[in-house]
Amino acid sequence: MNAPRPTPNGATASGGGRLVTGLAARGSLRWVVADLSLPLEEARRRLDLSPISAVALGRALTGAVLLRRIALKIPSRIVLVVAGDGPLGRVVAEAEEGGGVRGLVGDPRVATPADGSLALAPWVGRGTLNVTRETGAKRYSSQVELVTGEIGLDLAHFLEQSEQIQSAVLLGVLPRPTGIAAAGGVIVEALPGTPAQVVGQLEGNIRGVAGVSRTLARGGIGALEAAVLAGFDVEPLEERPLAYRCGCDRERLRVQLSTLSPADLEELLADEGECDAECAYCGERYRFRAADLLTADDPSR
């Protein structure tokens, strides 16, 4: 894996992910498939995610990437929030134009069950799935109740409710003790007028997939595409890279900290006259001195 590289504003990025879109069954099916194995491994490392937290974030990030690209009017940015009452807390995933992804988990270190189960529902709990699409200055938000907490079926439910289009959503993450072996997924939409036999064949293919993440680990994005779309004429239309990317900025964070009350700032700087601030999305740490935060902008300071 490539080491993270600094971007001009101080953010970090790492590549390695792929997104492929296309049509199948003579245009009756639209599909998007993504491999986020390396971007998720970068997020896991930087945020120190436990296996369960990594699975949750990986499924949410994949869902955000797929949901953004399957939209008829592709937004410049999409934010997916899984807000359950379980131990994981809120899971936030963002996908933007240009292939950048980032996200966070309320509790990044939820312990893996003793039996090794990676089922998300007990850790997500009951709650909502919120999707916000941004295009320029316009923002559109939609929300549905979680139906399973496993994220994939919740996204399929969201698409059915918001777009009235029959969709299959498959998401998977395969964590290892040393990192992420595979992460990714696929969305297939049956467009209006799709013949019943095409839908039936697609459903049969999906039942035969031997695990999304294991299929990716075994043969990459091509293997997942081939398994889900077996027997159909397939027309790939576009391929794009995906990368872990965070837009955190030292100056923006400094301004936010400097708005704290004088008492809070003094407590923050009490030990060494310096403090560290960490970006919740990428784990990047910034160190500030008292002179950086106690500015002359506010006369009370």
C-alpha atoms as a PDB file:
ATOM      1  CA  MET A   1       0.000   0.000   0.000  1.00  0.00           C
ATOM      2  CA  ASN A   2       1.232   3.447  -0.803  1.00  0.00           C
ATOM      3  CA  ALA A   3       1.976   5.715   2.140  1.00  0.00           C
ATOM      4  CA  PRO A   4      -0.417   8.638   2.617  1.00  0.00           C
ATOM      5  CA  ARG A   5       0.670  11.741   0.758  1.00  0.00           C
ATOM      6  CA  PRO A   6       0.089  15.316   1.836  1.00  0.00           C
ATOM      7  CA  THR A   7      -2.218  17.416  -0.298  1.00  0.00           C
ATOM      8  CA  PRO A   8      -1.796  21.176  -0.791  1.00  0.00           C
ATOM      9  CA  ASN A   9      -4.033  22.198   2.132  1.00  0.00           C
ATOM     10  CA  GLY A  10      -2.490  19.743   4.546  1.00  0.00           C
ATOM     11  CA  ALA A  11      -5.038  16.974   4.057  1.00  0.00           C
ATOM     12  CA  THR A  12      -4.018  13.379   3.447  1.00  0.00           C
ATOM     13  CA  ALA A  13      -4.839  10.961   0.666  1.00  0.00           C
ATOM     14  CA  SER A  14      -4.105   7.393  -0.359  1.00  0.00           C
ATOM     15  CA  GLY A  15      -5.216   5.639  -3.527  1.00  0.00           C
ATOM     16  CA  GLY A  16      -5.819   2.055  -4.513  1.00  0.00           C
ATOM     17  CA  GLY A  17      -9.620   1.905  -4.802  1.00  0.00           C
ATOM     18  CA  ARG A  18     -11.633   1.417  -8.003  1.00  0.00           C
ATOM     19  CA  LEU A  19     -15.147   2.131  -9.189  1.00  0.00           C
ATOM     20  CA  VAL A  20     -16.666   0.637 -12.353  1.00  0.00           C
ATOM     21  CA  THR A  21     -20.094   1.435 -13.794  1.00  0.00           C
ATOM     22  CA  GLY A  22     -22.061  -0.073 -16.632  1.00  0.00           C
ATOM     23  CA  LEU A  23     -25.210  -1.582 -18.111  1.00  0.00           C
ATOM     24  CA  ALA A  24     -26.326  -5.188 -18.527  1.00  0.00           C
ATOM     25  CA  ALA A  25     -29.183  -7.226 -19.958  1.00  0.00           C
ATOM     26  CA  ARG A  26     -29.499  -4.973 -23.023  1.00  0.00           C
ATOM     27  CA  GLY A  27     -29.764  -1.875 -20.895  1.00  0.00           C
ATOM     28  CA  SER A  28     -32.361  -3.234 -18.451  1.00  0.00           C
ATOM     29  CA  LEU A  29     -29.871  -3.226 -15.551  1.00  0.00           C
ATOM     30  CA  ARG A  30     -27.620  -0.409 -14.299  1.00  0.00           C
ATOM     31  CA  TRP A  31     -24.758  -1.454 -12.080  1.00  0.00           C
ATOM     32  CA  VAL A  32     -21.927   0.059 -10.067  1.00  0.00           C
ATOM     33  CA  VAL A  33     -19.212  -1.994  -8.394  1.00  0.00           C
ATOM     34  CA  ALA A  34     -16.463  -0.699  -6.096  1.00  0.00           C
ATOM     35  CA  ASP A  35     -13.337  -1.971  -4.357  1.00  0.00           C
ATOM     36  CA  LEU A  36     -12.364   0.098  -1.290  1.00  0.00           C
ATOM     37  CA  SER A  37      -9.946  -2.370   0.292  1.00  0.00           C
ATOM     38  CA  LEU A  38      -6.936  -0.038   0.372  1.00  0.00           C
ATOM     39  CA  PRO A  39      -8.801   3.181   1.249  1.00  0.00           C
ATOM     40  CA  LEU A  40     -10.512   1.375   4.146  1.00  0.00           C
ATOM     41  CA  GLU A  41      -7.203  -0.036   5.352  1.00  0.00           C
ATOM     42  CA  GLU A  42      -5.857   3.520   5.433  1.00  0.00           C
ATOM     43  CA  ALA A  43      -8.873   4.653   7.464  1.00  0.00           C
ATOM     44  CA  ARG A  44      -8.522   1.646   9.790  1.00  0.00           C
ATOM     45  CA  ARG A  45      -4.886   2.428  10.450  1.00  0.00           C
ATOM     46  CA  ARG A  46      -5.310   6.144  10.984  1.00  0.00           C
ATOM     47  CA  LEU A  47      -8.457   5.881  13.137  1.00  0.00           C
ATOM     48  CA  ASP A  48      -7.320   2.733  14.984  1.00  0.00           C
ATOM     49  CA  LEU A  49     -10.548   0.918  14.148  1.00  0.00           C
ATOM     50  CA  SER A  50     -11.507  -2.382  15.735  1.00  0.00           C
ATOM     51  CA  PRO A  51     -12.727  -5.102  13.331  1.00  0.00           C
ATOM     52  CA  ILE A  52     -16.421  -4.373  14.026  1.00  0.00           C
ATOM     53  CA  SER A  53     -15.917  -0.613  13.604  1.00  0.00           C
ATOM     54  CA  ALA A  54     -13.955  -1.205  10.396  1.00  0.00           C
ATOM     55  CA  VAL A  55     -16.777  -3.366   9.012  1.00  0.00           C
ATOM     56  CA  ALA A  56     -19.325  -0.664   9.810  1.00  0.00           C
ATOM     57  CA  LEU A  57     -17.275   2.120   8.250  1.00  0.00           C
ATOM     58  CA  GLY A  58     -16.328   0.026   5.231  1.00  0.00           C
ATOM     59  CA  ARG A  59     -19.922  -0.850   4.426  1.00  0.00           C
ATOM     60  CA  ALA A  60     -21.021   2.762   4.900  1.00  0.00           C
ATOM     61  CA  LEU A  61     -18.196   4.149   2.739  1.00  0.00           C
ATOM     62  CA  THR A  62     -18.927   1.625   0.009  1.00  0.00           C
ATOM     63  CA  GLY A  63     -22.622   2.465   0.211  1.00  0.00           C
ATOM     64  CA  ALA A  64     -21.901   6.178  -0.110  1.00  0.00           C
ATOM     65  CA  VAL A  65     -19.656   5.645  -3.139  1.00  0.00           C
ATOM     66  CA  LEU A  66     -22.174   3.395  -4.887  1.00  0.00           C
ATOM     67  CA  LEU A  67     -25.173   5.545  -4.016  1.00  0.00           C
ATOM     68  CA  ARG A  68     -23.509   8.683  -5.352  1.00  0.00           C
ATOM     69  CA  ARG A  69     -22.610   7.078  -8.682  1.00  0.00           C
ATOM     70  CA  ILE A  70     -25.891   5.224  -9.271  1.00  0.00           C
ATOM     71  CA  ALA A  71     -27.872   8.476  -9.007  1.00  0.00           C
ATOM     72  CA  LEU A  72     -29.325   9.756 -12.279  1.00  0.00           C
ATOM     73  CA  LYS A  73     -28.180  13.277 -11.347  1.00  0.00           C
ATOM     74  CA  ILE A  74     -24.795  12.623  -9.780  1.00  0.00           C
ATOM     75  CA  PRO A  75     -24.206  14.927  -6.780  1.00  0.00           C
ATOM     76  CA  SER A  76     -20.834  16.505  -6.151  1.00  0.00           C
ATOM     77  CA  ARG A  77     -20.869  15.046  -2.636  1.00  0.00           C
ATOM     78  CA  ILE A  78     -22.946  12.591  -0.676  1.00  0.00           C
ATOM     79  CA  VAL A  79     -23.042  12.071   3.081  1.00  0.00           C
ATOM     80  CA  LEU A  80     -24.485   8.889   4.516  1.00  0.00           C
ATOM     81  CA  VAL A  81     -25.242   8.766   8.256  1.00  0.00           C
ATOM     82  CA  VAL A  82     -26.244   5.580  10.054  1.00  0.00           C
ATOM     83  CA  ALA A  83     -27.606   6.820  13.385  1.00  0.00           C
ATOM     84  CA  GLY A  84     -28.430   3.844  15.601  1.00  0.00           C
ATOM     85  CA  ASP A  85     -28.782   3.471  19.348  1.00  0.00           C
ATOM     86  CA  GLY A  86     -26.235   0.643  19.557  1.00  0.00           C
ATOM     87  CA  PRO A  87     -22.659   0.701  20.896  1.00  0.00           C
ATOM     88  CA  LEU A  88     -21.165   1.871  17.573  1.00  0.00           C
ATOM     89  CA  GLY A  89     -22.940   5.236  17.752  1.00  0.00           C
ATOM     90  CA  ARG A  90     -23.154   7.269  14.563  1.00  0.00           C
ATOM     91  CA  VAL A  91     -21.401   5.990  11.455  1.00  0.00           C
ATOM     92  CA  VAL A  92     -20.702   8.761   8.940  1.00  0.00           C
ATOM     93  CA  ALA A  93     -19.465   8.179   5.385  1.00  0.00           C
ATOM     94  CA  GLU A  94     -18.734  10.780   2.718  1.00  0.00           C
ATOM     95  CA  ALA A  95     -18.015  10.356  -0.996  1.00  0.00           C
ATOM     96  CA  GLU A  96     -17.166  13.263  -3.244  1.00  0.00           C
ATOM     97  CA  GLU A  97     -16.536  14.153  -6.840  1.00  0.00           C
ATOM     98  CA  GLY A  98     -13.072  13.013  -7.833  1.00  0.00           C
ATOM     99  CA  GLY A  99     -13.242   9.731  -5.924  1.00  0.00           C
ATOM    100  CA  GLY A 100     -12.370  10.945  -2.423  1.00  0.00           C
ATOM    101  CA  VAL A 101     -13.886   9.156   0.575  1.00  0.00           C
ATOM    102  CA  ARG A 102     -13.723   9.713   4.325  1.00  0.00           C
ATOM    103  CA  GLY A 103     -15.748   8.786   7.385  1.00  0.00           C
ATOM    104  CA  LEU A 104     -15.877   8.149  11.105  1.00  0.00           C
ATOM    105  CA  VAL A 105     -17.423   5.847  13.695  1.00  0.00           C
ATOM    106  CA  GLY A 106     -18.856   7.072  17.000  1.00  0.00           C
ATOM    107  CA  ASP A 107     -16.927   4.399  18.916  1.00  0.00           C
ATOM    108  CA  PRO A 108     -13.989   3.330  16.740  1.00  0.00           C
ATOM    109  CA  ARG A 109     -12.856   0.581  19.135  1.00  0.00           C
ATOM    110  CA  VAL A 110     -15.960  -1.516  19.781  1.00  0.00           C
ATOM    111  CA  ALA A 111     -14.705  -4.947  20.863  1.00  0.00           C
ATOM    112  CA  THR A 112     -15.248  -7.914  18.553  1.00  0.00           C
ATOM    113  CA  PRO A 113     -17.571 -10.539  20.103  1.00  0.00           C
ATOM    114  CA  ALA A 114     -15.918 -13.592  21.623  1.00  0.00           C
ATOM    115  CA  ASP A 115     -17.455 -15.790  18.910  1.00  0.00           C
ATOM    116  CA  GLY A 116     -15.854 -13.611  16.212  1.00  0.00           C
ATOM    117  CA  SER A 117     -19.204 -12.642  14.683  1.00  0.00           C
ATOM    118  CA  LEU A 118     -19.074  -9.551  12.463  1.00  0.00           C
ATOM    119  CA  ALA A 119     -22.852  -9.068  12.197  1.00  0.00           C
ATOM    120  CA  LEU A 120     -23.510  -5.337  12.539  1.00  0.00           C
ATOM    121  CA  ALA A 121     -27.144  -5.252  13.670  1.00  0.00           C
ATOM    122  CA  PRO A 122     -26.460  -5.749  17.405  1.00  0.00           C
ATOM    123  CA  TRP A 123     -23.884  -2.947  17.358  1.00  0.00           C
ATOM    124  CA  VAL A 124     -25.859  -0.519  15.176  1.00  0.00           C
ATOM    125  CA  GLY A 125     -29.208  -1.000  16.930  1.00  0.00           C
ATOM    126  CA  ARG A 126     -32.409   0.796  15.995  1.00  0.00           C
ATOM    127  CA  GLY A 127     -32.355   4.176  14.320  1.00  0.00           C
ATOM    128  CA  THR A 128     -32.273   5.944  10.974  1.00  0.00           C
ATOM    129  CA  LEU A 129     -30.369   6.113   7.723  1.00  0.00           C
ATOM    130  CA  ASN A 130     -29.945   9.673   6.472  1.00  0.00           C
ATOM    131  CA  VAL A 131     -28.590  10.522   3.020  1.00  0.00           C
ATOM    132  CA  THR A 132     -27.623  14.072   2.068  1.00  0.00           C
ATOM    133  CA  ARG A 133     -26.792  14.952  -1.523  1.00  0.00           C
ATOM    134  CA  GLU A 134     -24.913  18.163  -2.294  1.00  0.00           C
ATOM    135  CA  THR A 135     -24.662  19.844  -5.679  1.00  0.00           C
ATOM    136  CA  GLY A 136     -23.080  23.255  -5.536  1.00  0.00           C
ATOM    137  CA  ALA A 137     -24.848  25.233  -2.813  1.00  0.00           C
ATOM    138  CA  LYS A 138     -27.909  22.962  -2.870  1.00  0.00           C
ATOM    139  CA  ARG A 139     -28.434  20.231  -0.279  1.00  0.00           C
ATOM    140  CA  TYR A 140     -31.123  17.553  -0.322  1.00  0.00           C
ATOM    141  CA  SER A 141     -31.632  15.173   2.587  1.00  0.00           C
ATOM    142  CA  SER A 142     -33.759  12.022   2.844  1.00  0.00           C
ATOM    143  CA  GLN A 143     -34.217   9.696   5.788  1.00  0.00           C
ATOM    144  CA  VAL A 144     -35.635   6.225   6.403  1.00  0.00           C
ATOM    145  CA  GLU A 145     -35.839   3.948   9.406  1.00  0.00           C
ATOM    146  CA  LEU A 146     -33.178   1.240   9.610  1.00  0.00           C
ATOM    147  CA  VAL A 147     -34.712  -2.107   8.692  1.00  0.00           C
ATOM    148  CA  THR A 148     -31.796  -4.405   9.592  1.00  0.00           C
ATOM    149  CA  GLY A 149     -28.801  -2.364  10.738  1.00  0.00           C
ATOM    150  CA  GLU A 150     -26.569  -4.335   8.359  1.00  0.00           C
ATOM    151  CA  ILE A 151     -26.445  -1.272   6.022  1.00  0.00           C
ATOM    152  CA  GLY A 152     -26.757  -3.121   2.701  1.00  0.00           C
ATOM    153  CA  LEU A 153     -30.453  -3.963   3.040  1.00  0.00           C
ATOM    154  CA  ASP A 154     -31.025  -0.573   4.635  1.00  0.00           C
ATOM    155  CA  LEU A 155     -29.650   1.103   1.500  1.00  0.00           C
ATOM    156  CA  ALA A 156     -31.835  -1.065  -0.723  1.00  0.00           C
ATOM    157  CA  HIS A 157     -34.826   0.013   1.381  1.00  0.00           C
ATOM    158  CA  PHE A 158     -33.751   3.653   1.049  1.00  0.00           C
ATOM    159  CA  LEU A 159     -33.540   3.375  -2.754  1.00  0.00           C
ATOM    160  CA  GLU A 160     -36.948   1.745  -2.942  1.00  0.00           C
ATOM    161  CA  GLN A 161     -38.509   4.451  -0.781  1.00  0.00           C
ATOM    162  CA  SER A 162     -36.755   7.471  -2.286  1.00  0.00           C
ATOM    163  CA  GLU A 163     -36.292   6.471  -5.924  1.00  0.00           C
ATOM    164  CA  GLN A 164     -39.042   3.844  -6.385  1.00  0.00           C
ATOM    165  CA  ILE A 165     -36.522   1.667  -8.211  1.00  0.00           C
ATOM    166  CA  GLN A 166     -35.979  -2.022  -7.453  1.00  0.00           C
ATOM    167  CA  SER A 167     -32.345  -2.423  -6.399  1.00  0.00           C
ATOM    168  CA  ALA A 168     -29.969  -5.035  -5.038  1.00  0.00           C
ATOM    169  CA  VAL A 169     -27.240  -3.761  -2.704  1.00  0.00           C
ATOM    170  CA  LEU A 170     -24.390  -6.050  -1.666  1.00  0.00           C
ATOM    171  CA  LEU A 171     -21.714  -4.760   0.709  1.00  0.00           C
ATOM    172  CA  GLY A 172     -18.880  -6.602   2.404  1.00  0.00           C
ATOM    173  CA  VAL A 173     -15.755  -6.114   4.505  1.00  0.00           C
ATOM    174  CA  LEU A 174     -13.275  -8.849   5.392  1.00  0.00           C
ATOM    175  CA  PRO A 175     -11.011  -7.766   8.260  1.00  0.00           C
ATOM    176  CA  ARG A 176      -7.867  -9.646   9.261  1.00  0.00           C
ATOM    177  CA  PRO A 177      -5.818  -9.370  12.478  1.00  0.00           C
ATOM    178  CA  THR A 178      -3.257  -7.373  10.490  1.00  0.00           C
ATOM    179  CA  GLY A 179      -5.652  -5.198   8.467  1.00  0.00           C
ATOM    180  CA  ILE A 180      -8.350  -5.213   5.802  1.00  0.00           C
ATOM    181  CA  ALA A 181      -8.257  -8.124   3.368  1.00  0.00           C
ATOM    182  CA  ALA A 182     -11.113  -6.821   1.206  1.00  0.00           C
ATOM    183  CA  ALA A 183     -13.884  -4.239   1.208  1.00  0.00           C
ATOM    184  CA  GLY A 184     -16.372  -3.201  -1.426  1.00  0.00           C
ATOM    185  CA  GLY A 185     -19.721  -3.933  -2.968  1.00  0.00           C
ATOM    186  CA  VAL A 186     -22.157  -3.551  -5.820  1.00  0.00           C
ATOM    187  CA  ILE A 187     -25.520  -1.948  -6.568  1.00  0.00           C
ATOM    188  CA  VAL A 188     -27.663  -3.246  -9.436  1.00  0.00           C
ATOM    189  CA  GLU A 189     -30.842  -1.410 -10.414  1.00  0.00           C
ATOM    190  CA  ALA A 190     -33.604  -2.978 -12.469  1.00  0.00           C
ATOM    191  CA  LEU A 191     -34.903  -0.126 -14.605  1.00  0.00           C
ATOM    192  CA  PRO A 192     -38.640   0.249 -15.315  1.00  0.00           C
ATOM    193  CA  GLY A 193     -39.812  -2.370 -17.795  1.00  0.00           C
ATOM    194  CA  THR A 194     -37.121  -4.919 -16.935  1.00  0.00           C
ATOM    195  CA  PRO A 195     -38.420  -8.397 -17.907  1.00  0.00           C
ATOM    196  CA  ALA A 196     -39.329 -10.673 -15.002  1.00  0.00           C
ATOM    197  CA  GLN A 197     -36.910 -13.341 -16.198  1.00  0.00           C
ATOM    198  CA  VAL A 198     -34.028 -10.856 -15.996  1.00  0.00           C
ATOM    199  CA  VAL A 199     -34.966  -9.999 -12.408  1.00  0.00           C
ATOM    200  CA  GLY A 200     -35.263 -13.683 -11.566  1.00  0.00           C
ATOM    201  CA  GLN A 201     -31.859 -14.481 -13.052  1.00  0.00           C
ATOM    202  CA  LEU A 202     -30.275 -11.579 -11.167  1.00  0.00           C
ATOM    203  CA  GLU A 203     -31.814 -12.765  -7.900  1.00  0.00           C
ATOM    204  CA  GLY A 204     -30.439 -16.245  -8.552  1.00  0.00           C
ATOM    205  CA  ASN A 205     -26.969 -14.843  -9.217  1.00  0.00           C
ATOM    206  CA  ILE A 206     -27.055 -12.855  -5.979  1.00  0.00           C
ATOM    207  CA  ARG A 207     -28.085 -15.923  -3.971  1.00  0.00           C
ATOM    208  CA  GLY A 208     -25.095 -17.738  -5.448  1.00  0.00           C
ATOM    209  CA  VAL A 209     -22.483 -15.121  -4.508  1.00  0.00           C
ATOM    210  CA  ALA A 210     -20.142 -16.749  -2.006  1.00  0.00           C
ATOM    211  CA  GLY A 211     -19.723 -13.628   0.131  1.00  0.00           C
ATOM    212  CA  VAL A 212     -18.991 -10.158  -1.265  1.00  0.00           C
ATOM    213  CA  SER A 213     -15.742  -9.587   0.598  1.00  0.00           C
ATOM    214  CA  ARG A 214     -14.463 -13.121   0.010  1.00  0.00           C
ATOM    215  CA  THR A 215     -15.223 -12.820  -3.699  1.00  0.00           C
ATOM    216  CA  LEU A 216     -13.273  -9.552  -3.796  1.00  0.00           C
ATOM    217  CA  ALA A 217     -10.394 -11.069  -1.843  1.00  0.00           C
ATOM    218  CA  ARG A 218     -10.273 -14.012  -4.220  1.00  0.00           C
ATOM    219  CA  GLY A 219     -10.541 -12.247  -7.573  1.00  0.00           C
ATOM    220  CA  GLY A 220     -10.916  -8.505  -7.133  1.00  0.00           C
ATOM    221  CA  ILE A 221     -13.570  -6.265  -8.590  1.00  0.00           C
ATOM    222  CA  GLY A 222     -13.843  -8.353 -11.773  1.00  0.00           C
ATOM    223  CA  ALA A 223     -14.793 -11.462  -9.848  1.00  0.00           C
ATOM    224  CA  LEU A 224     -17.605  -9.667  -8.004  1.00  0.00           C
ATOM    225  CA  GLU A 225     -18.932  -8.155 -11.222  1.00  0.00           C
ATOM    226  CA  ALA A 226     -18.818 -11.531 -12.973  1.00  0.00           C
ATOM    227  CA  ALA A 227     -20.602 -13.328 -10.134  1.00  0.00           C
ATOM    228  CA  VAL A 228     -23.473 -10.848  -9.838  1.00  0.00           C
ATOM    229  CA  LEU A 229     -23.962 -10.361 -13.592  1.00  0.00           C
ATOM    230  CA  ALA A 230     -23.330 -13.938 -14.729  1.00  0.00           C
ATOM    231  CA  GLY A 231     -25.227 -14.826 -17.900  1.00  0.00           C
ATOM    232  CA  PHE A 232     -25.955 -11.233 -18.933  1.00  0.00           C
ATOM    233  CA  ASP A 233     -24.419  -9.195 -21.709  1.00  0.00           C
ATOM    234  CA  VAL A 234     -22.334  -6.672 -19.773  1.00  0.00           C
ATOM    235  CA  GLU A 235     -21.318  -3.222 -21.024  1.00  0.00           C
ATOM    236  CA  PRO A 236     -18.803  -1.407 -18.800  1.00  0.00           C
ATOM    237  CA  LEU A 237     -19.117   2.359 -19.266  1.00  0.00           C
ATOM    238  CA  GLU A 238     -16.675   4.022 -16.894  1.00  0.00           C
ATOM    239  CA  GLU A 239     -13.857   3.246 -14.483  1.00  0.00           C
ATOM    240  CA  ARG A 240     -12.516   5.676 -11.883  1.00  0.00           C
ATOM    241  CA  PRO A 241     -10.049   5.575  -8.987  1.00  0.00           C
ATOM    242  CA  LEU A 242     -11.126   5.900  -5.361  1.00  0.00           C
ATOM    243  CA  ALA A 243      -8.954   7.262  -2.575  1.00  0.00           C
ATOM    244  CA  TYR A 244      -9.080   7.910   1.124  1.00  0.00           C
ATOM    245  CA  ARG A 245      -8.936  11.700   1.321  1.00  0.00           C
ATOM    246  CA  CYS A 246      -9.583  14.152   4.130  1.00  0.00           C
ATOM    247  CA  GLY A 247      -9.941  17.891   3.719  1.00  0.00           C
ATOM    248  CA  CYS A 248      -9.025  18.822   7.277  1.00  0.00           C
ATOM    249  CA  ASP A 249      -7.063  22.051   7.518  1.00  0.00           C
ATOM    250  CA  ARG A 250      -4.808  23.365  10.280  1.00  0.00           C
ATOM    251  CA  GLU A 251      -5.961  26.983   9.925  1.00  0.00           C
ATOM    252  CA  ARG A 252      -9.651  26.074   9.948  1.00  0.00           C
ATOM    253  CA  LEU A 253      -9.137  24.010  13.090  1.00  0.00           C
ATOM    254  CA  ARG A 254      -7.143  26.825  14.716  1.00  0.00           C
ATOM    255  CA  VAL A 255     -10.002  29.248  14.092  1.00  0.00           C
ATOM    256  CA  GLN A 256     -12.494  26.804  15.611  1.00  0.00           C
ATOM    257  CA  LEU A 257     -10.369  26.327  18.733  1.00  0.00           C
ATOM    258  CA  SER A 258      -9.783  30.044  19.133  1.00  0.00           C
ATOM    259  CA  THR A 259     -13.547  30.573  19.524  1.00  0.00           C
ATOM    260  CA  LEU A 260     -13.512  28.692  22.836  1.00  0.00           C
ATOM    261  CA  SER A 261     -13.984  30.772  25.962  1.00  0.00           C
ATOM    262  CA  PRO A 262     -10.821  32.102  27.677  1.00  0.00           C
ATOM    263  CA  ALA A 263     -11.411  29.719  30.592  1.00  0.00           C
ATOM    264  CA  ASP A 264     -11.710  26.681  28.303  1.00  0.00           C
ATOM    265  CA  LEU A 265      -8.589  27.687  26.390  1.00  0.00           C
ATOM    266  CA  GLU A 266      -6.582  28.161  29.549  1.00  0.00           C
ATOM    267  CA  GLU A 267      -7.622  24.713  30.751  1.00  0.00           C
ATOM    268  CA  LEU A 268      -6.746  23.235  27.366  1.00  0.00           C
ATOM    269  CA  LEU A 269      -3.286  24.823  27.426  1.00  0.00           C
ATOM    270  CA  ALA A 270      -2.664  24.396  31.150  1.00  0.00           C
ATOM    271  CA  ASP A 271      -0.063  21.622  31.143  1.00  0.00           C
ATOM    272  CA  GLU A 272       2.583  22.755  28.655  1.00  0.00           C
ATOM    273  CA  GLY A 273       1.198  25.896  27.058  1.00  0.00           C
ATOM    274  CA  GLU A 274       0.432  23.704  24.034  1.00  0.00           C
ATOM    275  CA  CYS A 275      -2.346  21.364  22.983  1.00  0.00           C
ATOM    276  CA  ASP A 276      -2.988  18.700  20.369  1.00  0.00           C
ATOM    277  CA  ALA A 277      -6.136  18.520  18.258  1.00  0.00           C
ATOM    278  CA  GLU A 278      -7.046  15.467  16.216  1.00  0.00           C
ATOM    279  CA  CYS A 279      -9.235  15.307  13.116  1.00  0.00           C
ATOM    280  CA  ALA A 280     -12.098  12.886  13.808  1.00  0.00           C
ATOM    281  CA  TYR A 281     -12.165  11.807  10.151  1.00  0.00           C
ATOM    282  CA  CYS A 282      -8.539  10.936   9.486  1.00  0.00           C
ATOM    283  CA  GLY A 283      -6.680  10.998  12.798  1.00  0.00           C
ATOM    284  CA  GLU A 284      -4.311  13.746  11.668  1.00  0.00           C
ATOM    285  CA  ARG A 285      -2.905  15.521  14.733  1.00  0.00           C
ATOM    286  CA  TYR A 286      -2.160  19.234  14.873  1.00  0.00           C
ATOM    287  CA  ARG A 287      -0.214  20.916  17.673  1.00  0.00           C
ATOM    288  CA  PHE A 288      -1.031  24.469  18.708  1.00  0.00           C
ATOM    289  CA  ARG A 289       0.832  26.827  21.027  1.00  0.00           C
ATOM    290  CA  ALA A 290      -0.850  29.376  23.249  1.00  0.00           C
ATOM    291  CA  ALA A 291       0.185  32.126  20.833  1.00  0.00           C
ATOM    292  CA  ASP A 292      -1.674  30.335  18.018  1.00  0.00           C
ATOM    293  CA  LEU A 293      -4.985  30.362  19.890  1.00  0.00           C
ATOM    294  CA  LEU A 294      -4.885  33.359  22.229  1.00  0.00           C
ATOM    295  CA  THR A 295      -5.106  35.910  19.454  1.00  0.00           C
ATOM    296  CA  ALA A 296      -5.674  39.620  19.659  1.00  0.00           C
ATOM    297  CA  ASP A 297      -8.916  39.301  17.666  1.00  0.00           C
ATOM    298  CA  ASP A 298     -10.966  39.175  20.857  1.00  0.00           C
ATOM    299  CA  PRO A 299     -10.347  42.081  23.325  1.00  0.00           C
ATOM    300  CA  SER A 300     -11.332  39.855  26.249  1.00  0.00           C
ATOM    301  CA  ARG A 301      -8.252  37.783  25.617  1.00  0.00           C
END
